[in-house]
Amino acid sequence: MAGKTLYDKIWETHLVKERDNGTALVYIDRHLIHEVTSPQAFEGLRLAGRSPWRAGANLATPDHNVPTTIDERSRGLAGIQDQVSKLQVKTLDENCREFNILEIEMNDERQGIVHVIG
C-alpha cells in the first residue's frame, strides 16, 4: 500500500465528520484575510453584533493593492495612487484593529502574498 499524500494527511487531521452522501465537515484552523474581500465579512459581523470566533486563528495582510516600488511603498497609504485600492487597505487596517485580528501591515518585512505566507 502506498504512503499517504500530504493532502490526505491534512484532510484526515482536519476531518470532523463525513456523511454518507459524501459531504464533509472540515475543521479550519487558520483564516487568511486580505483587503479585497474582507470588508463584507467584517460588516456582517458588525451588523450581527458578533466578533470573530478565535480571533487568534486569523491572519490578515494587504496584498492585492500594495505598491511594488520602494518609493511608493515607503509612503504607506499615501503611496497608493488608486483611491479604491487605498480605501481597501485602510479599511483592512481599521477592521483588524477593531476586531483584534493580527495584521501583517503593508510596510512589515513579513508582508507578502496572502496565499503564499499562509
N, C-alpha and C. Protein backbone atom coordinates (compact mmCIF):
# COMPACT_ATOMS: atom_id res chain seq x y z
N MET A 1 0.84 -1.18 0.00
CA MET A 1 0.00 0.00 0.00
C MET A 1 0.89 1.25 0.00
N ALA A 2 0.57 2.18 -0.84
CA ALA A 2 1.36 3.41 -0.97
C ALA A 2 1.15 4.30 0.26
N GLY A 3 2.16 5.12 0.55
CA GLY A 3 2.05 6.08 1.64
C GLY A 3 1.00 7.13 1.32
N LYS A 4 0.62 7.87 2.33
CA LYS A 4 -0.39 8.91 2.15
C LYS A 4 0.25 10.17 1.58
N THR A 5 -0.51 10.87 0.77
CA THR A 5 -0.04 12.15 0.25
C THR A 5 -0.18 13.20 1.35
N LEU A 6 0.49 14.32 1.17
CA LEU A 6 0.36 15.43 2.11
C LEU A 6 -1.10 15.86 2.20
N TYR A 7 -1.76 15.92 1.05
CA TYR A 7 -3.18 16.28 1.03
C TYR A 7 -3.99 15.33 1.91
N ASP A 8 -3.77 14.03 1.75
CA ASP A 8 -4.51 13.03 2.53
C ASP A 8 -4.27 13.23 4.03
N LYS A 9 -3.03 13.48 4.41
CA LYS A 9 -2.70 13.66 5.82
C LYS A 9 -3.39 14.90 6.39
N ILE A 10 -3.35 15.99 5.64
CA ILE A 10 -4.00 17.23 6.10
C ILE A 10 -5.51 17.02 6.19
N TRP A 11 -6.08 16.40 5.16
CA TRP A 11 -7.52 16.14 5.15
C TRP A 11 -7.94 15.32 6.36
N GLU A 12 -7.23 14.25 6.61
CA GLU A 12 -7.59 13.34 7.70
C GLU A 12 -7.47 14.01 9.07
N THR A 13 -6.48 14.88 9.25
CA THR A 13 -6.32 15.53 10.55
C THR A 13 -7.33 16.66 10.76
N HIS A 14 -7.98 17.11 9.69
CA HIS A 14 -8.95 18.20 9.80
C HIS A 14 -10.39 17.74 9.60
N LEU A 15 -10.59 16.50 9.25
CA LEU A 15 -11.93 15.98 9.01
C LEU A 15 -12.66 15.79 10.34
N VAL A 16 -13.80 16.44 10.47
CA VAL A 16 -14.62 16.30 11.67
C VAL A 16 -15.63 15.19 11.47
N LYS A 17 -16.31 15.22 10.32
CA LYS A 17 -17.33 14.21 10.04
C LYS A 17 -17.55 14.12 8.54
N GLU A 18 -17.71 12.91 8.08
CA GLU A 18 -18.06 12.69 6.67
C GLU A 18 -19.40 11.98 6.63
N ARG A 19 -20.32 12.53 5.85
CA ARG A 19 -21.66 11.95 5.75
C ARG A 19 -21.72 10.88 4.67
N ASP A 20 -22.77 10.09 4.72
CA ASP A 20 -22.97 9.02 3.74
C ASP A 20 -23.06 9.55 2.31
N ASN A 21 -23.55 10.80 2.17
CA ASN A 21 -23.70 11.37 0.82
C ASN A 21 -22.39 11.98 0.29
N GLY A 22 -21.31 11.85 1.07
CA GLY A 22 -20.01 12.33 0.61
C GLY A 22 -19.64 13.72 1.07
N THR A 23 -20.58 14.48 1.63
CA THR A 23 -20.23 15.81 2.13
C THR A 23 -19.44 15.66 3.42
N ALA A 24 -18.59 16.64 3.66
CA ALA A 24 -17.71 16.55 4.83
C ALA A 24 -17.72 17.86 5.61
N LEU A 25 -17.59 17.73 6.90
CA LEU A 25 -17.39 18.86 7.78
C LEU A 25 -15.90 18.88 8.12
N VAL A 26 -15.24 19.98 7.78
CA VAL A 26 -13.80 20.08 7.95
C VAL A 26 -13.48 21.21 8.92
N TYR A 27 -12.57 20.96 9.84
CA TYR A 27 -12.13 21.97 10.80
C TYR A 27 -11.11 22.88 10.13
N ILE A 28 -11.37 24.17 10.18
CA ILE A 28 -10.46 25.15 9.60
C ILE A 28 -9.69 25.80 10.74
N ASP A 29 -8.38 25.61 10.75
CA ASP A 29 -7.59 26.11 11.87
C ASP A 29 -6.92 27.46 11.63
N ARG A 30 -6.99 27.97 10.43
CA ARG A 30 -6.39 29.26 10.12
C ARG A 30 -7.22 29.95 9.04
N HIS A 31 -7.55 31.22 9.27
CA HIS A 31 -8.25 32.01 8.26
C HIS A 31 -7.30 33.09 7.77
N LEU A 32 -7.12 33.18 6.48
CA LEU A 32 -6.27 34.20 5.87
C LEU A 32 -7.17 35.28 5.30
N ILE A 33 -6.85 36.52 5.62
CA ILE A 33 -7.71 37.65 5.27
C ILE A 33 -6.89 38.65 4.46
N HIS A 34 -7.50 39.21 3.41
CA HIS A 34 -6.85 40.29 2.66
C HIS A 34 -7.84 41.43 2.47
N GLU A 35 -7.38 42.47 1.84
CA GLU A 35 -8.15 43.71 1.79
C GLU A 35 -9.30 43.74 0.80
N VAL A 36 -9.34 42.84 -0.15
CA VAL A 36 -10.35 42.94 -1.21
C VAL A 36 -11.70 42.37 -0.79
N THR A 37 -11.71 41.19 -0.21
CA THR A 37 -13.00 40.55 0.10
C THR A 37 -13.38 40.58 1.58
N SER A 38 -12.51 41.05 2.45
CA SER A 38 -12.82 41.01 3.88
C SER A 38 -13.79 42.09 4.37
N PRO A 39 -13.91 43.25 3.72
CA PRO A 39 -14.83 44.26 4.27
C PRO A 39 -16.26 43.75 4.45
N GLN A 40 -16.71 42.92 3.52
CA GLN A 40 -18.07 42.39 3.62
C GLN A 40 -18.22 41.49 4.84
N ALA A 41 -17.21 40.69 5.12
CA ALA A 41 -17.27 39.79 6.28
C ALA A 41 -17.26 40.59 7.59
N PHE A 42 -16.41 41.59 7.67
CA PHE A 42 -16.37 42.42 8.87
C PHE A 42 -17.69 43.17 9.06
N GLU A 43 -18.26 43.66 7.98
CA GLU A 43 -19.54 44.36 8.08
C GLU A 43 -20.63 43.40 8.55
N GLY A 44 -20.59 42.17 8.07
CA GLY A 44 -21.56 41.16 8.52
C GLY A 44 -21.45 40.91 10.01
N LEU A 45 -20.22 40.85 10.52
CA LEU A 45 -20.02 40.69 11.97
C LEU A 45 -20.60 41.88 12.72
N ARG A 46 -20.32 43.07 12.20
CA ARG A 46 -20.81 44.29 12.84
C ARG A 46 -22.33 44.30 12.89
N LEU A 47 -22.97 44.02 11.76
CA LEU A 47 -24.44 44.04 11.69
C LEU A 47 -25.07 43.00 12.60
N ALA A 48 -24.39 41.87 12.77
CA ALA A 48 -24.91 40.79 13.62
C ALA A 48 -24.53 40.99 15.09
N GLY A 49 -23.73 42.02 15.37
CA GLY A 49 -23.29 42.26 16.74
C GLY A 49 -22.37 41.16 17.26
N ARG A 50 -21.59 40.61 16.36
CA ARG A 50 -20.71 39.49 16.72
C ARG A 50 -19.25 39.88 16.58
N SER A 51 -18.40 39.07 17.16
CA SER A 51 -16.96 39.22 16.98
C SER A 51 -16.44 37.91 16.42
N PRO A 52 -15.26 37.93 15.83
CA PRO A 52 -14.73 36.69 15.26
C PRO A 52 -14.52 35.64 16.35
N TRP A 53 -14.89 34.41 16.04
CA TRP A 53 -14.61 33.31 16.94
C TRP A 53 -13.14 32.96 16.74
N ARG A 54 -12.41 32.82 17.82
CA ARG A 54 -10.99 32.50 17.76
C ARG A 54 -10.22 33.54 16.92
N ALA A 55 -10.27 34.77 17.36
CA ALA A 55 -9.60 35.85 16.62
C ALA A 55 -8.13 35.53 16.35
N GLY A 56 -7.50 34.80 17.25
CA GLY A 56 -6.09 34.45 17.08
C GLY A 56 -5.83 33.48 15.94
N ALA A 57 -6.88 32.88 15.41
CA ALA A 57 -6.72 31.95 14.28
C ALA A 57 -6.76 32.69 12.95
N ASN A 58 -6.92 34.00 13.00
CA ASN A 58 -7.00 34.81 11.79
C ASN A 58 -5.69 35.54 11.57
N LEU A 59 -5.31 35.67 10.32
CA LEU A 59 -4.11 36.41 9.94
C LEU A 59 -4.46 37.23 8.71
N ALA A 60 -4.23 38.54 8.80
CA ALA A 60 -4.57 39.43 7.70
C ALA A 60 -3.31 40.09 7.13
N THR A 61 -3.36 40.35 5.84
CA THR A 61 -2.32 41.16 5.21
C THR A 61 -2.88 41.75 3.92
N PRO A 62 -2.57 43.02 3.65
CA PRO A 62 -2.94 43.56 2.35
C PRO A 62 -1.98 42.98 1.31
N ASP A 63 -2.51 42.58 0.17
CA ASP A 63 -1.58 42.08 -0.85
C ASP A 63 -1.99 42.47 -2.27
N HIS A 64 -3.25 42.67 -2.52
CA HIS A 64 -3.69 42.98 -3.88
C HIS A 64 -3.40 44.43 -4.27
N ASN A 65 -3.37 45.32 -3.31
CA ASN A 65 -3.25 46.75 -3.59
C ASN A 65 -1.97 47.39 -3.06
N VAL A 66 -1.00 46.58 -2.71
CA VAL A 66 0.25 47.10 -2.16
C VAL A 66 1.16 47.54 -3.31
N PRO A 67 1.68 48.78 -3.24
CA PRO A 67 2.59 49.24 -4.29
C PRO A 67 3.83 48.34 -4.39
N THR A 68 4.34 48.24 -5.58
CA THR A 68 5.50 47.37 -5.80
C THR A 68 6.82 48.14 -5.83
N THR A 69 6.76 49.46 -5.93
CA THR A 69 8.01 50.22 -5.92
C THR A 69 8.36 50.62 -4.49
N ILE A 70 9.63 50.67 -4.19
CA ILE A 70 10.09 51.01 -2.84
C ILE A 70 9.63 52.41 -2.46
N ASP A 71 9.70 53.35 -3.40
CA ASP A 71 9.31 54.74 -3.12
C ASP A 71 7.85 54.83 -2.72
N GLU A 72 6.96 54.23 -3.52
CA GLU A 72 5.53 54.29 -3.20
C GLU A 72 5.23 53.56 -1.90
N ARG A 73 5.81 52.40 -1.76
CA ARG A 73 5.53 51.57 -0.59
C ARG A 73 6.01 52.24 0.70
N SER A 74 7.14 52.92 0.65
CA SER A 74 7.68 53.58 1.84
C SER A 74 6.79 54.72 2.33
N ARG A 75 5.90 55.19 1.48
CA ARG A 75 4.99 56.28 1.86
C ARG A 75 3.70 55.76 2.48
N GLY A 76 3.59 54.45 2.66
CA GLY A 76 2.39 53.88 3.28
C GLY A 76 1.16 54.11 2.44
N LEU A 77 0.04 54.40 3.08
CA LEU A 77 -1.21 54.62 2.35
C LEU A 77 -1.09 55.75 1.33
N ALA A 78 -0.29 56.76 1.64
CA ALA A 78 -0.11 57.88 0.72
C ALA A 78 0.54 57.43 -0.59
N GLY A 79 1.23 56.30 -0.57
CA GLY A 79 1.87 55.78 -1.77
C GLY A 79 0.95 55.01 -2.69
N ILE A 80 -0.27 54.75 -2.24
CA ILE A 80 -1.24 54.04 -3.09
C ILE A 80 -2.01 55.09 -3.88
N GLN A 81 -1.85 55.08 -5.19
CA GLN A 81 -2.44 56.11 -6.04
C GLN A 81 -3.94 55.93 -6.24
N ASP A 82 -4.37 54.71 -6.48
CA ASP A 82 -5.78 54.44 -6.75
C ASP A 82 -6.59 54.59 -5.46
N GLN A 83 -7.63 55.42 -5.50
CA GLN A 83 -8.40 55.72 -4.29
C GLN A 83 -9.17 54.51 -3.75
N VAL A 84 -9.68 53.67 -4.62
CA VAL A 84 -10.40 52.47 -4.18
C VAL A 84 -9.42 51.51 -3.50
N SER A 85 -8.26 51.35 -4.09
CA SER A 85 -7.22 50.49 -3.51
C SER A 85 -6.80 51.01 -2.14
N LYS A 86 -6.60 52.31 -2.05
CA LYS A 86 -6.20 52.93 -0.79
C LYS A 86 -7.27 52.69 0.28
N LEU A 87 -8.54 52.86 -0.10
CA LEU A 87 -9.64 52.65 0.84
C LEU A 87 -9.69 51.20 1.32
N GLN A 88 -9.43 50.26 0.42
CA GLN A 88 -9.46 48.85 0.81
C GLN A 88 -8.38 48.53 1.84
N VAL A 89 -7.18 49.04 1.64
CA VAL A 89 -6.08 48.79 2.59
C VAL A 89 -6.37 49.49 3.92
N LYS A 90 -6.84 50.72 3.85
CA LYS A 90 -7.17 51.47 5.07
C LYS A 90 -8.28 50.76 5.85
N THR A 91 -9.28 50.26 5.15
CA THR A 91 -10.39 49.56 5.80
C THR A 91 -9.91 48.27 6.46
N LEU A 92 -9.01 47.55 5.80
CA LEU A 92 -8.45 46.34 6.41
C LEU A 92 -7.73 46.70 7.71
N ASP A 93 -6.91 47.74 7.68
CA ASP A 93 -6.19 48.18 8.89
C ASP A 93 -7.18 48.47 10.02
N GLU A 94 -8.22 49.22 9.71
CA GLU A 94 -9.21 49.62 10.72
C GLU A 94 -9.98 48.41 11.25
N ASN A 95 -10.39 47.53 10.34
CA ASN A 95 -11.15 46.35 10.77
C ASN A 95 -10.31 45.43 11.65
N CYS A 96 -9.05 45.27 11.31
CA CYS A 96 -8.18 44.41 12.12
C CYS A 96 -7.99 44.99 13.52
N ARG A 97 -7.84 46.30 13.60
CA ARG A 97 -7.72 46.93 14.92
C ARG A 97 -9.02 46.75 15.71
N GLU A 98 -10.15 47.01 15.06
CA GLU A 98 -11.45 46.92 15.75
C GLU A 98 -11.74 45.51 16.26
N PHE A 99 -11.41 44.50 15.46
CA PHE A 99 -11.77 43.12 15.81
C PHE A 99 -10.60 42.32 16.38
N ASN A 100 -9.49 43.02 16.69
CA ASN A 100 -8.33 42.37 17.32
C ASN A 100 -7.78 41.21 16.49
N ILE A 101 -7.60 41.46 15.20
CA ILE A 101 -7.05 40.48 14.26
C ILE A 101 -5.59 40.84 13.98
N LEU A 102 -4.70 39.87 14.07
CA LEU A 102 -3.30 40.11 13.74
C LEU A 102 -3.18 40.45 12.26
N GLU A 103 -2.55 41.59 11.98
CA GLU A 103 -2.35 42.01 10.59
C GLU A 103 -0.86 42.21 10.34
N ILE A 104 -0.38 41.63 9.27
CA ILE A 104 0.96 41.92 8.78
C ILE A 104 0.77 43.10 7.83
N GLU A 105 1.07 44.29 8.32
CA GLU A 105 0.76 45.51 7.58
C GLU A 105 1.67 45.71 6.37
N MET A 106 1.28 46.66 5.56
CA MET A 106 1.90 46.90 4.26
C MET A 106 3.43 47.06 4.33
N ASN A 107 3.94 47.75 5.33
CA ASN A 107 5.39 48.01 5.39
C ASN A 107 6.13 47.04 6.31
N ASP A 108 5.46 46.02 6.77
CA ASP A 108 6.10 44.99 7.59
C ASP A 108 6.94 44.10 6.66
N GLU A 109 8.15 43.77 7.07
CA GLU A 109 9.02 42.95 6.21
C GLU A 109 8.45 41.56 5.96
N ARG A 110 7.50 41.12 6.79
CA ARG A 110 6.88 39.80 6.60
C ARG A 110 5.73 39.83 5.61
N GLN A 111 5.30 41.03 5.21
CA GLN A 111 4.16 41.16 4.31
C GLN A 111 4.46 40.48 2.98
N GLY A 112 3.46 39.83 2.45
CA GLY A 112 3.62 39.18 1.16
C GLY A 112 2.27 38.76 0.61
N ILE A 113 2.28 37.90 -0.36
CA ILE A 113 1.05 37.41 -0.97
C ILE A 113 0.35 36.50 0.02
N VAL A 114 -0.89 36.81 0.33
CA VAL A 114 -1.61 36.10 1.39
C VAL A 114 -1.64 34.59 1.17
N HIS A 115 -1.76 34.15 -0.07
CA HIS A 115 -1.84 32.72 -0.35
C HIS A 115 -0.48 32.02 -0.24
N VAL A 116 0.58 32.80 -0.17
CA VAL A 116 1.92 32.23 -0.02
C VAL A 116 2.34 32.23 1.45
N ILE A 117 2.09 33.33 2.16
CA ILE A 117 2.53 33.41 3.55
C ILE A 117 1.76 32.47 4.46
N GLY A 118 0.55 32.08 4.04
CA GLY A 118 -0.28 31.18 4.86
C GLY A 118 0.33 29.85 4.96
